[in-house]
Amino acid sequence: MKKGLTVSIVFNAQSLNYGEGIGNISELKKLTRADGNMYTFASRQALRYDVVRLGHDFFNWNLQVVDKAKGTIQFRDDLSIEDSQEMDLFGYMKTNKKTDDSKGGSATREAVIRLSNAISLEPYRSDMDFLNNKGLADRINEHPNLANIEQHLSFYTYTFTIDLSKIGKDGDIELPNEEKSKRVVEFLEIVKVLNRNIRGRQENLSPLFAVGGIYDIANPFFLGRIKLDASQKGYEVNSKAIKEVVDSTFLGKSLLEDTFVGMTDGIFNNKEEFEKILPNQVSTVDNFFNGLISGVKEYYGV
């Protein structure tokens, strides 16, 4: 039975993740490529943070699952995946102190939902914003404090992959299929409306383009295949690399019939290219996710 759900997403946002910075300059997290360009990114940890935050806000996920009883902040020993959606979906590590009777070590659970970094599809061109608190300083006749903050407005892409067969299973614990399905569906609903609160802004990370489906294996087929073409006519998601993936086979089976695309109208100019690659399998982003949710419920038999 098909168990590997993977989706690569494109969204549009600004200045998502800052590093430590130097002096009064706030620096974005960036990567440098061989073409000489720098690309900003939001780390997978940042994406996870926002998924969990919205899981609590929307679906009352239990976040009271950590303490500092062992000297470091980590998940509590007395709680399991039964108590925590976060521990189930994103894994955990619980350390044990070394004693006369114990060698110490740790108990771990690997993440079942694997997130990539969200990397910009447009290069960073050293845009900088000059800031000060003059409004506050004027109230007390003081000189304002100055700051410089890097800014980057871009399309970004990230990928998530889920092994549906591992959801709700940890050692001797196995949750009912209804709960397994509920947790995956809630994650998909969160991704549809994902947002990020940063420096007084709320950025919209909801998908404008999505490609993927449910396959025989849990593999990020479209990770690294999303490219953006820009011209005076507008933006296009490059279809060539995606077509090559769709036309490939695994164990003699084509990926074509299991792959779907969701696109928001009015953003990208080459929807017809994807309609040729995937006849009758291109729809709105909402319909794309509704199809995934139906597939998840079918897998768990609920």
C-alpha atoms as a PDB file:
ATOM      1  CA  MET A   1       0.000   0.000   0.000  1.00  0.00           C
ATOM      2  CA  LYS A   2       1.204   3.526  -0.800  1.00  0.00           C
ATOM      3  CA  LYS A   3       2.718   5.012   2.358  1.00  0.00           C
ATOM      4  CA  GLY A   4       5.131   7.784   1.301  1.00  0.00           C
ATOM      5  CA  LEU A   5       3.552  11.237   1.211  1.00  0.00           C
ATOM      6  CA  THR A   6       5.812  13.968  -0.151  1.00  0.00           C
ATOM      7  CA  VAL A   7       5.098  17.519  -1.280  1.00  0.00           C
ATOM      8  CA  SER A   8       7.332  20.339  -2.528  1.00  0.00           C
ATOM      9  CA  ILE A   9       5.889  23.801  -2.009  1.00  0.00           C
ATOM     10  CA  VAL A  10       6.489  27.334  -3.303  1.00  0.00           C
ATOM     11  CA  PHE A  11       5.369  30.395  -1.326  1.00  0.00           C
ATOM     12  CA  ASN A  12       6.131  34.121  -1.380  1.00  0.00           C
ATOM     13  CA  ALA A  13       7.394  35.925   1.726  1.00  0.00           C
ATOM     14  CA  GLN A  14       9.894  38.421   3.083  1.00  0.00           C
ATOM     15  CA  SER A  15      12.893  38.105   5.439  1.00  0.00           C
ATOM     16  CA  LEU A  16      11.948  34.941   7.290  1.00  0.00           C
ATOM     17  CA  ASN A  17      14.892  33.946   9.490  1.00  0.00           C
ATOM     18  CA  TYR A  18      17.692  36.000  11.027  1.00  0.00           C
ATOM     19  CA  GLY A  19      21.038  34.828  12.374  1.00  0.00           C
ATOM     20  CA  GLU A  20      23.135  36.257  15.187  1.00  0.00           C
ATOM     21  CA  GLY A  21      24.152  39.445  13.362  1.00  0.00           C
ATOM     22  CA  ILE A  22      27.146  41.765  13.773  1.00  0.00           C
ATOM     23  CA  GLY A  23      26.984  44.966  15.808  1.00  0.00           C
ATOM     24  CA  ASN A  24      23.748  46.756  14.965  1.00  0.00           C
ATOM     25  CA  ILE A  25      23.267  44.801  11.711  1.00  0.00           C
ATOM     26  CA  SER A  26      20.674  42.012  11.709  1.00  0.00           C
ATOM     27  CA  GLU A  27      21.744  39.422   9.119  1.00  0.00           C
ATOM     28  CA  LEU A  28      19.479  36.992   7.327  1.00  0.00           C
ATOM     29  CA  LYS A  29      20.466  33.345   7.225  1.00  0.00           C
ATOM     30  CA  LYS A  30      22.043  32.774   3.806  1.00  0.00           C
ATOM     31  CA  LEU A  31      23.694  30.170   1.590  1.00  0.00           C
ATOM     32  CA  THR A  32      26.209  30.862  -1.173  1.00  0.00           C
ATOM     33  CA  ARG A  33      26.154  28.877  -4.413  1.00  0.00           C
ATOM     34  CA  ALA A  34      28.791  28.348  -7.087  1.00  0.00           C
ATOM     35  CA  ASP A  35      27.072  30.859  -9.365  1.00  0.00           C
ATOM     36  CA  GLY A  36      28.190  33.552  -6.924  1.00  0.00           C
ATOM     37  CA  ASN A  37      24.682  34.303  -5.690  1.00  0.00           C
ATOM     38  CA  MET A  38      23.498  34.241  -2.094  1.00  0.00           C
ATOM     39  CA  TYR A  39      20.119  32.750  -1.226  1.00  0.00           C
ATOM     40  CA  THR A  40      18.303  33.361   2.038  1.00  0.00           C
ATOM     41  CA  PHE A  41      16.571  30.569   3.892  1.00  0.00           C
ATOM     42  CA  ALA A  42      14.286  29.738   6.784  1.00  0.00           C
ATOM     43  CA  SER A  43      15.597  26.738   8.680  1.00  0.00           C
ATOM     44  CA  ARG A  44      13.623  23.536   9.077  1.00  0.00           C
ATOM     45  CA  GLN A  45      13.620  24.262  12.829  1.00  0.00           C
ATOM     46  CA  ALA A  46      11.865  27.575  12.136  1.00  0.00           C
ATOM     47  CA  LEU A  47       9.247  25.824   9.997  1.00  0.00           C
ATOM     48  CA  ARG A  48       8.735  23.181  12.671  1.00  0.00           C
ATOM     49  CA  TYR A  49       8.318  25.879  15.319  1.00  0.00           C
ATOM     50  CA  ASP A  50       5.531  27.527  13.329  1.00  0.00           C
ATOM     51  CA  VAL A  51       3.800  24.227  12.548  1.00  0.00           C
ATOM     52  CA  VAL A  52       3.774  23.320  16.243  1.00  0.00           C
ATOM     53  CA  ARG A  53       2.663  26.822  17.239  1.00  0.00           C
ATOM     54  CA  LEU A  54      -0.316  26.669  14.876  1.00  0.00           C
ATOM     55  CA  GLY A  55      -1.017  23.085  15.925  1.00  0.00           C
ATOM     56  CA  HIS A  56      -1.516  24.391  19.447  1.00  0.00           C
ATOM     57  CA  ASP A  57      -3.549  27.408  18.315  1.00  0.00           C
ATOM     58  CA  PHE A  58      -5.808  25.553  15.858  1.00  0.00           C
ATOM     59  CA  PHE A  59      -6.038  22.012  17.228  1.00  0.00           C
ATOM     60  CA  ASN A  60      -4.986  22.355  20.877  1.00  0.00           C
ATOM     61  CA  TRP A  61      -1.806  20.296  20.498  1.00  0.00           C
ATOM     62  CA  ASN A  62      -0.254  19.620  23.881  1.00  0.00           C
ATOM     63  CA  LEU A  63       2.944  21.684  24.261  1.00  0.00           C
ATOM     64  CA  GLN A  64       3.361  21.144  28.021  1.00  0.00           C
ATOM     65  CA  VAL A  65       5.738  18.266  27.416  1.00  0.00           C
ATOM     66  CA  VAL A  66       9.194  19.625  28.312  1.00  0.00           C
ATOM     67  CA  ASP A  67      11.135  20.393  31.498  1.00  0.00           C
ATOM     68  CA  LYS A  68      14.675  21.044  32.734  1.00  0.00           C
ATOM     69  CA  ALA A  69      14.837  18.341  35.403  1.00  0.00           C
ATOM     70  CA  LYS A  70      18.046  16.870  33.929  1.00  0.00           C
ATOM     71  CA  GLY A  71      19.818  20.208  33.490  1.00  0.00           C
ATOM     72  CA  THR A  72      18.889  20.694  29.846  1.00  0.00           C
ATOM     73  CA  ILE A  73      15.522  21.496  28.304  1.00  0.00           C
ATOM     74  CA  GLN A  74      14.117  18.318  26.784  1.00  0.00           C
ATOM     75  CA  PHE A  75      10.987  16.189  26.529  1.00  0.00           C
ATOM     76  CA  ARG A  76       9.735  14.692  29.785  1.00  0.00           C
ATOM     77  CA  ASP A  77      10.376  11.034  30.563  1.00  0.00           C
ATOM     78  CA  ASP A  78       6.846  10.481  31.852  1.00  0.00           C
ATOM     79  CA  LEU A  79       5.243  11.471  28.541  1.00  0.00           C
ATOM     80  CA  SER A  80       5.084   9.600  25.231  1.00  0.00           C
ATOM     81  CA  ILE A  81       3.785  10.074  21.693  1.00  0.00           C
ATOM     82  CA  GLU A  82       0.384   9.248  23.115  1.00  0.00           C
ATOM     83  CA  ASP A  83       0.492  12.562  24.992  1.00  0.00           C
ATOM     84  CA  SER A  84       2.248  14.691  22.382  1.00  0.00           C
ATOM     85  CA  GLN A  85       1.532  15.191  18.698  1.00  0.00           C
ATOM     86  CA  GLU A  86       4.885  16.974  18.417  1.00  0.00           C
ATOM     87  CA  MET A  87       6.859  14.001  19.768  1.00  0.00           C
ATOM     88  CA  ASP A  88       5.008  11.690  17.394  1.00  0.00           C
ATOM     89  CA  LEU A  89       5.411  13.747  14.222  1.00  0.00           C
ATOM     90  CA  PHE A  90       8.811  15.369  14.775  1.00  0.00           C
ATOM     91  CA  GLY A  91      10.616  12.950  17.076  1.00  0.00           C
ATOM     92  CA  TYR A  92      12.466  13.461  20.375  1.00  0.00           C
ATOM     93  CA  MET A  93      15.599  12.750  22.359  1.00  0.00           C
ATOM     94  CA  LYS A  94      15.548  12.006  26.091  1.00  0.00           C
ATOM     95  CA  THR A  95      18.929  11.741  27.791  1.00  0.00           C
ATOM     96  CA  ASN A  96      19.767   9.619  30.804  1.00  0.00           C
ATOM     97  CA  LYS A  97      22.398  10.656  33.346  1.00  0.00           C
ATOM     98  CA  LYS A  98      25.323   8.327  33.933  1.00  0.00           C
ATOM     99  CA  THR A  99      25.172   6.696  37.397  1.00  0.00           C
ATOM    100  CA  ASP A 100      26.829   3.797  39.199  1.00  0.00           C
ATOM    101  CA  ASP A 101      24.051   1.534  37.953  1.00  0.00           C
ATOM    102  CA  SER A 102      23.611   3.050  34.499  1.00  0.00           C
ATOM    103  CA  LYS A 103      25.863   3.978  31.576  1.00  0.00           C
ATOM    104  CA  GLY A 104      23.610   6.837  30.647  1.00  0.00           C
ATOM    105  CA  GLY A 105      22.805   7.344  26.970  1.00  0.00           C
ATOM    106  CA  SER A 106      19.600   8.550  25.373  1.00  0.00           C
ATOM    107  CA  ALA A 107      16.225   7.395  24.104  1.00  0.00           C
ATOM    108  CA  THR A 108      15.406   8.795  20.677  1.00  0.00           C
ATOM    109  CA  ARG A 109      12.658   8.756  18.125  1.00  0.00           C
ATOM    110  CA  GLU A 110      13.404   9.860  14.584  1.00  0.00           C
ATOM    111  CA  ALA A 111      11.166  12.460  12.990  1.00  0.00           C
ATOM    112  CA  VAL A 112       8.402  10.874  10.928  1.00  0.00           C
ATOM    113  CA  ILE A 113       7.675  14.149   9.160  1.00  0.00           C
ATOM    114  CA  ARG A 114      10.893  15.329   7.519  1.00  0.00           C
ATOM    115  CA  LEU A 115      11.112  19.033   6.663  1.00  0.00           C
ATOM    116  CA  SER A 116      13.732  20.691   4.478  1.00  0.00           C
ATOM    117  CA  ASN A 117      14.909  24.273   4.832  1.00  0.00           C
ATOM    118  CA  ALA A 118      12.817  26.820   2.942  1.00  0.00           C
ATOM    119  CA  ILE A 119      15.307  28.290   0.456  1.00  0.00           C
ATOM    120  CA  SER A 120      14.730  31.404  -1.613  1.00  0.00           C
ATOM    121  CA  LEU A 121      14.316  30.955  -5.350  1.00  0.00           C
ATOM    122  CA  GLU A 122      15.565  34.474  -6.051  1.00  0.00           C
ATOM    123  CA  PRO A 123      19.087  35.637  -5.087  1.00  0.00           C
ATOM    124  CA  TYR A 124      19.691  38.107  -2.274  1.00  0.00           C
ATOM    125  CA  ARG A 125      20.970  41.458  -3.591  1.00  0.00           C
ATOM    126  CA  SER A 126      22.104  43.090  -0.308  1.00  0.00           C
ATOM    127  CA  ASP A 127      18.895  45.062   0.292  1.00  0.00           C
ATOM    128  CA  MET A 128      19.092  46.783   3.670  1.00  0.00           C
ATOM    129  CA  ASP A 129      16.575  48.649   5.808  1.00  0.00           C
ATOM    130  CA  PHE A 130      17.695  51.473   8.116  1.00  0.00           C
ATOM    131  CA  LEU A 131      15.753  51.618  11.378  1.00  0.00           C
ATOM    132  CA  ASN A 132      15.605  53.855  14.427  1.00  0.00           C
ATOM    133  CA  ASN A 133      13.336  54.520  17.377  1.00  0.00           C
ATOM    134  CA  LYS A 134      13.046  58.275  16.820  1.00  0.00           C
ATOM    135  CA  GLY A 135       9.382  58.295  17.773  1.00  0.00           C
ATOM    136  CA  LEU A 136      10.152  57.017  21.247  1.00  0.00           C
ATOM    137  CA  ALA A 137      13.371  59.035  21.614  1.00  0.00           C
ATOM    138  CA  ASP A 138      11.587  62.307  20.810  1.00  0.00           C
ATOM    139  CA  ARG A 139       9.247  61.775  23.742  1.00  0.00           C
ATOM    140  CA  ILE A 140      12.152  62.150  26.181  1.00  0.00           C
ATOM    141  CA  ASN A 141      14.381  64.448  24.061  1.00  0.00           C
ATOM    142  CA  GLU A 142      17.014  61.760  23.493  1.00  0.00           C
ATOM    143  CA  HIS A 143      18.964  60.665  20.427  1.00  0.00           C
ATOM    144  CA  PRO A 144      17.463  57.590  18.745  1.00  0.00           C
ATOM    145  CA  ASN A 145      19.110  54.178  18.602  1.00  0.00           C
ATOM    146  CA  LEU A 146      20.072  53.065  15.101  1.00  0.00           C
ATOM    147  CA  ALA A 147      19.912  49.661  13.451  1.00  0.00           C
ATOM    148  CA  ASN A 148      20.327  48.087  10.015  1.00  0.00           C
ATOM    149  CA  ILE A 149      18.337  45.047   9.017  1.00  0.00           C
ATOM    150  CA  GLU A 150      18.729  42.951   5.884  1.00  0.00           C
ATOM    151  CA  GLN A 151      15.595  42.514   3.783  1.00  0.00           C
ATOM    152  CA  HIS A 152      14.734  39.993   1.093  1.00  0.00           C
ATOM    153  CA  LEU A 153      11.388  39.537  -0.647  1.00  0.00           C
ATOM    154  CA  SER A 154      11.370  36.290  -2.619  1.00  0.00           C
ATOM    155  CA  PHE A 155       9.625  33.087  -3.552  1.00  0.00           C
ATOM    156  CA  TYR A 156      10.792  30.204  -1.356  1.00  0.00           C
ATOM    157  CA  THR A 157      10.560  26.435  -1.670  1.00  0.00           C
ATOM    158  CA  TYR A 158      10.612  23.616   0.871  1.00  0.00           C
ATOM    159  CA  THR A 159       9.687  19.938   0.939  1.00  0.00           C
ATOM    160  CA  PHE A 160       8.112  17.676   3.534  1.00  0.00           C
ATOM    161  CA  THR A 161       8.015  13.876   3.469  1.00  0.00           C
ATOM    162  CA  ILE A 162       5.938  11.573   5.683  1.00  0.00           C
ATOM    163  CA  ASP A 163       6.183   7.812   6.140  1.00  0.00           C
ATOM    164  CA  LEU A 164       2.543   7.088   6.983  1.00  0.00           C
ATOM    165  CA  SER A 165       3.411   3.606   8.264  1.00  0.00           C
ATOM    166  CA  LYS A 166       5.446   5.096  11.159  1.00  0.00           C
ATOM    167  CA  ILE A 167       2.928   7.613  12.455  1.00  0.00           C
ATOM    168  CA  GLY A 168       1.625   6.720  15.924  1.00  0.00           C
ATOM    169  CA  LYS A 169       4.105   3.900  16.528  1.00  0.00           C
ATOM    170  CA  ASP A 170       6.903   4.028  19.124  1.00  0.00           C
ATOM    171  CA  GLY A 171       8.183   0.881  20.821  1.00  0.00           C
ATOM    172  CA  ASP A 172       5.265  -0.870  22.476  1.00  0.00           C
ATOM    173  CA  ILE A 173       2.942   2.073  21.843  1.00  0.00           C
ATOM    174  CA  GLU A 174       0.622   2.141  18.851  1.00  0.00           C
ATOM    175  CA  LEU A 175      -2.188   4.649  18.527  1.00  0.00           C
ATOM    176  CA  PRO A 176      -5.560   3.902  16.902  1.00  0.00           C
ATOM    177  CA  ASN A 177      -5.774   4.516  13.170  1.00  0.00           C
ATOM    178  CA  GLU A 178      -8.294   7.293  13.774  1.00  0.00           C
ATOM    179  CA  GLU A 179      -5.719   9.211  15.828  1.00  0.00           C
ATOM    180  CA  LYS A 180      -2.935   8.561  13.309  1.00  0.00           C
ATOM    181  CA  SER A 181      -5.103   9.923  10.513  1.00  0.00           C
ATOM    182  CA  LYS A 182      -6.210  12.888  12.614  1.00  0.00           C
ATOM    183  CA  ARG A 183      -2.622  13.953  13.301  1.00  0.00           C
ATOM    184  CA  VAL A 184      -1.515  13.798   9.671  1.00  0.00           C
ATOM    185  CA  VAL A 185      -4.649  15.602   8.464  1.00  0.00           C
ATOM    186  CA  GLU A 186      -4.116  18.348  11.043  1.00  0.00           C
ATOM    187  CA  PHE A 187      -0.522  18.774   9.839  1.00  0.00           C
ATOM    188  CA  LEU A 188      -1.721  19.124   6.230  1.00  0.00           C
ATOM    189  CA  GLU A 189      -4.367  21.651   7.250  1.00  0.00           C
ATOM    190  CA  ILE A 190      -1.670  23.676   9.050  1.00  0.00           C
ATOM    191  CA  VAL A 191       0.608  23.663   5.993  1.00  0.00           C
ATOM    192  CA  LYS A 192      -2.241  25.087   3.893  1.00  0.00           C
ATOM    193  CA  VAL A 193      -2.371  28.228   6.052  1.00  0.00           C
ATOM    194  CA  LEU A 194       1.161  28.293   7.494  1.00  0.00           C
ATOM    195  CA  ASN A 195       2.378  31.692   8.670  1.00  0.00           C
ATOM    196  CA  ARG A 196       5.314  33.132  10.562  1.00  0.00           C
ATOM    197  CA  ASN A 197       5.431  35.942  13.129  1.00  0.00           C
ATOM    198  CA  ILE A 198       8.717  37.844  12.879  1.00  0.00           C
ATOM    199  CA  ARG A 199       9.778  41.359  13.897  1.00  0.00           C
ATOM    200  CA  GLY A 200       6.286  42.800  14.073  1.00  0.00           C
ATOM    201  CA  ARG A 201       5.188  41.195  10.787  1.00  0.00           C
ATOM    202  CA  GLN A 202       3.100  38.136  10.042  1.00  0.00           C
ATOM    203  CA  GLU A 203       4.330  36.488   6.853  1.00  0.00           C
ATOM    204  CA  ASN A 204       2.070  34.227   4.804  1.00  0.00           C
ATOM    205  CA  LEU A 205       3.789  30.886   4.062  1.00  0.00           C
ATOM    206  CA  SER A 206       0.751  29.212   2.535  1.00  0.00           C
ATOM    207  CA  PRO A 207       1.440  27.420  -0.777  1.00  0.00           C
ATOM    208  CA  LEU A 208       1.114  29.146  -4.124  1.00  0.00           C
ATOM    209  CA  PHE A 209       2.384  26.021  -5.911  1.00  0.00           C
ATOM    210  CA  ALA A 210       2.569  22.432  -4.698  1.00  0.00           C
ATOM    211  CA  VAL A 211       3.641  19.202  -6.382  1.00  0.00           C
ATOM    212  CA  GLY A 212       3.659  15.689  -4.970  1.00  0.00           C
ATOM    213  CA  GLY A 213       1.417  12.863  -3.873  1.00  0.00           C
ATOM    214  CA  ILE A 214       1.389   9.543  -2.020  1.00  0.00           C
ATOM    215  CA  TYR A 215       3.843   6.969  -3.338  1.00  0.00           C
ATOM    216  CA  ASP A 216       5.090   3.471  -2.564  1.00  0.00           C
ATOM    217  CA  ILE A 217       8.090   4.850  -0.661  1.00  0.00           C
ATOM    218  CA  ALA A 218       8.730   7.911   1.488  1.00  0.00           C
ATOM    219  CA  ASN A 219      11.150   9.838  -0.708  1.00  0.00           C
ATOM    220  CA  PRO A 220      11.416  13.602  -1.397  1.00  0.00           C
ATOM    221  CA  PHE A 221      11.158  13.181  -5.172  1.00  0.00           C
ATOM    222  CA  PHE A 222      10.836  16.899  -5.965  1.00  0.00           C
ATOM    223  CA  LEU A 223      13.360  18.306  -3.473  1.00  0.00           C
ATOM    224  CA  GLY A 224      15.946  20.312  -5.415  1.00  0.00           C
ATOM    225  CA  ARG A 225      13.840  20.196  -8.578  1.00  0.00           C
ATOM    226  CA  ILE A 226      11.939  23.444  -8.051  1.00  0.00           C
ATOM    227  CA  LYS A 227      13.363  26.328 -10.084  1.00  0.00           C
ATOM    228  CA  LEU A 228      11.944  29.745 -10.897  1.00  0.00           C
ATOM    229  CA  ASP A 229      12.104  31.536 -14.235  1.00  0.00           C
ATOM    230  CA  ALA A 230      11.501  35.283 -14.196  1.00  0.00           C
ATOM    231  CA  SER A 231      11.051  37.788 -17.019  1.00  0.00           C
ATOM    232  CA  GLN A 232       9.157  40.977 -17.782  1.00  0.00           C
ATOM    233  CA  LYS A 233       6.143  38.774 -18.490  1.00  0.00           C
ATOM    234  CA  GLY A 234       6.150  37.420 -14.952  1.00  0.00           C
ATOM    235  CA  TYR A 235       7.163  34.280 -13.070  1.00  0.00           C
ATOM    236  CA  GLU A 236       7.119  30.635 -14.104  1.00  0.00           C
ATOM    237  CA  VAL A 237       7.893  27.474 -12.166  1.00  0.00           C
ATOM    238  CA  ASN A 238      10.319  25.601 -14.422  1.00  0.00           C
ATOM    239  CA  SER A 239       8.517  22.453 -15.573  1.00  0.00           C
ATOM    240  CA  LYS A 240      11.442  20.581 -17.170  1.00  0.00           C
ATOM    241  CA  ALA A 241      12.989  19.079 -14.004  1.00  0.00           C
ATOM    242  CA  ILE A 242       9.545  18.225 -12.635  1.00  0.00           C
ATOM    243  CA  LYS A 243       8.597  16.498 -15.889  1.00  0.00           C
ATOM    244  CA  GLU A 244      11.769  14.412 -15.701  1.00  0.00           C
ATOM    245  CA  VAL A 245      10.821  13.230 -12.207  1.00  0.00           C
ATOM    246  CA  VAL A 246       7.239  12.511 -13.220  1.00  0.00           C
ATOM    247  CA  ASP A 247       8.405  10.508 -16.241  1.00  0.00           C
ATOM    248  CA  SER A 248      10.826   8.410 -14.168  1.00  0.00           C
ATOM    249  CA  THR A 249      10.012   5.004 -12.675  1.00  0.00           C
ATOM    250  CA  PHE A 250      10.605   3.227  -9.384  1.00  0.00           C
ATOM    251  CA  LEU A 251      10.712  -0.578  -9.477  1.00  0.00           C
ATOM    252  CA  GLY A 252       9.229  -0.384 -12.938  1.00  0.00           C
ATOM    253  CA  LYS A 253       6.286   1.787 -11.892  1.00  0.00           C
ATOM    254  CA  SER A 254       5.819   5.301 -13.241  1.00  0.00           C
ATOM    255  CA  LEU A 255       5.390   8.193 -10.809  1.00  0.00           C
ATOM    256  CA  LEU A 256       2.961   9.865 -13.211  1.00  0.00           C
ATOM    257  CA  GLU A 257      -0.321   8.489 -11.913  1.00  0.00           C
ATOM    258  CA  ASP A 258       0.467   9.352  -8.279  1.00  0.00           C
ATOM    259  CA  THR A 259       1.679  12.925  -8.875  1.00  0.00           C
ATOM    260  CA  PHE A 260      -0.542  15.996  -8.653  1.00  0.00           C
ATOM    261  CA  VAL A 261      -0.029  19.753  -8.858  1.00  0.00           C
ATOM    262  CA  GLY A 262      -1.843  22.576  -7.097  1.00  0.00           C
ATOM    263  CA  MET A 263      -1.458  26.128  -8.414  1.00  0.00           C
ATOM    264  CA  THR A 264      -2.882  29.476  -7.390  1.00  0.00           C
ATOM    265  CA  ASP A 265      -4.206  31.319 -10.439  1.00  0.00           C
ATOM    266  CA  GLY A 266      -2.609  34.616 -11.393  1.00  0.00           C
ATOM    267  CA  ILE A 267       0.806  33.949  -9.830  1.00  0.00           C
ATOM    268  CA  PHE A 268       2.657  31.806 -12.370  1.00  0.00           C
ATOM    269  CA  ASN A 269       2.276  32.078 -16.152  1.00  0.00           C
ATOM    270  CA  ASN A 270       2.833  28.476 -17.256  1.00  0.00           C
ATOM    271  CA  LYS A 271      -0.029  26.487 -15.792  1.00  0.00           C
ATOM    272  CA  GLU A 272      -0.725  24.988 -19.234  1.00  0.00           C
ATOM    273  CA  GLU A 273       2.742  23.352 -19.238  1.00  0.00           C
ATOM    274  CA  PHE A 274       1.860  21.360 -16.143  1.00  0.00           C
ATOM    275  CA  GLU A 275      -1.559  20.498 -17.558  1.00  0.00           C
ATOM    276  CA  LYS A 276       0.260  18.877 -20.495  1.00  0.00           C
ATOM    277  CA  ILE A 277       2.646  16.978 -18.204  1.00  0.00           C
ATOM    278  CA  LEU A 278      -0.112  15.866 -15.813  1.00  0.00           C
ATOM    279  CA  PRO A 279      -3.421  15.752 -17.697  1.00  0.00           C
ATOM    280  CA  ASN A 280      -6.416  16.091 -15.330  1.00  0.00           C
ATOM    281  CA  GLN A 281      -4.040  16.212 -12.339  1.00  0.00           C
ATOM    282  CA  VAL A 282      -3.584  19.984 -12.021  1.00  0.00           C
ATOM    283  CA  SER A 283      -6.011  21.879  -9.787  1.00  0.00           C
ATOM    284  CA  THR A 284      -6.174  24.560  -7.122  1.00  0.00           C
ATOM    285  CA  VAL A 285      -3.964  24.342  -4.042  1.00  0.00           C
ATOM    286  CA  ASP A 286      -7.032  23.640  -1.895  1.00  0.00           C
ATOM    287  CA  ASN A 287      -8.130  20.733  -4.100  1.00  0.00           C
ATOM    288  CA  PHE A 288      -4.559  19.423  -4.106  1.00  0.00           C
ATOM    289  CA  PHE A 289      -4.532  19.202  -0.305  1.00  0.00           C
ATOM    290  CA  ASN A 290      -8.059  17.802  -0.189  1.00  0.00           C
ATOM    291  CA  GLY A 291      -6.810  14.983  -2.408  1.00  0.00           C
ATOM    292  CA  LEU A 292      -3.916  14.291  -0.030  1.00  0.00           C
ATOM    293  CA  ILE A 293      -6.264  14.277   2.950  1.00  0.00           C
ATOM    294  CA  SER A 294      -8.533  11.772   1.197  1.00  0.00           C
ATOM    295  CA  GLY A 295      -5.505   9.582   0.479  1.00  0.00           C
ATOM    296  CA  VAL A 296      -4.400   9.698   4.104  1.00  0.00           C
ATOM    297  CA  LYS A 297      -7.834   8.700   5.361  1.00  0.00           C
ATOM    298  CA  GLU A 298      -7.945   5.864   2.830  1.00  0.00           C
ATOM    299  CA  TYR A 299      -4.521   4.606   3.982  1.00  0.00           C
ATOM    300  CA  TYR A 300      -5.665   4.447   7.614  1.00  0.00           C
ATOM    301  CA  GLY A 301      -9.120   3.125   6.708  1.00  0.00           C
ATOM    302  CA  VAL A 302     -11.080   5.883   8.423  1.00  0.00           C
END
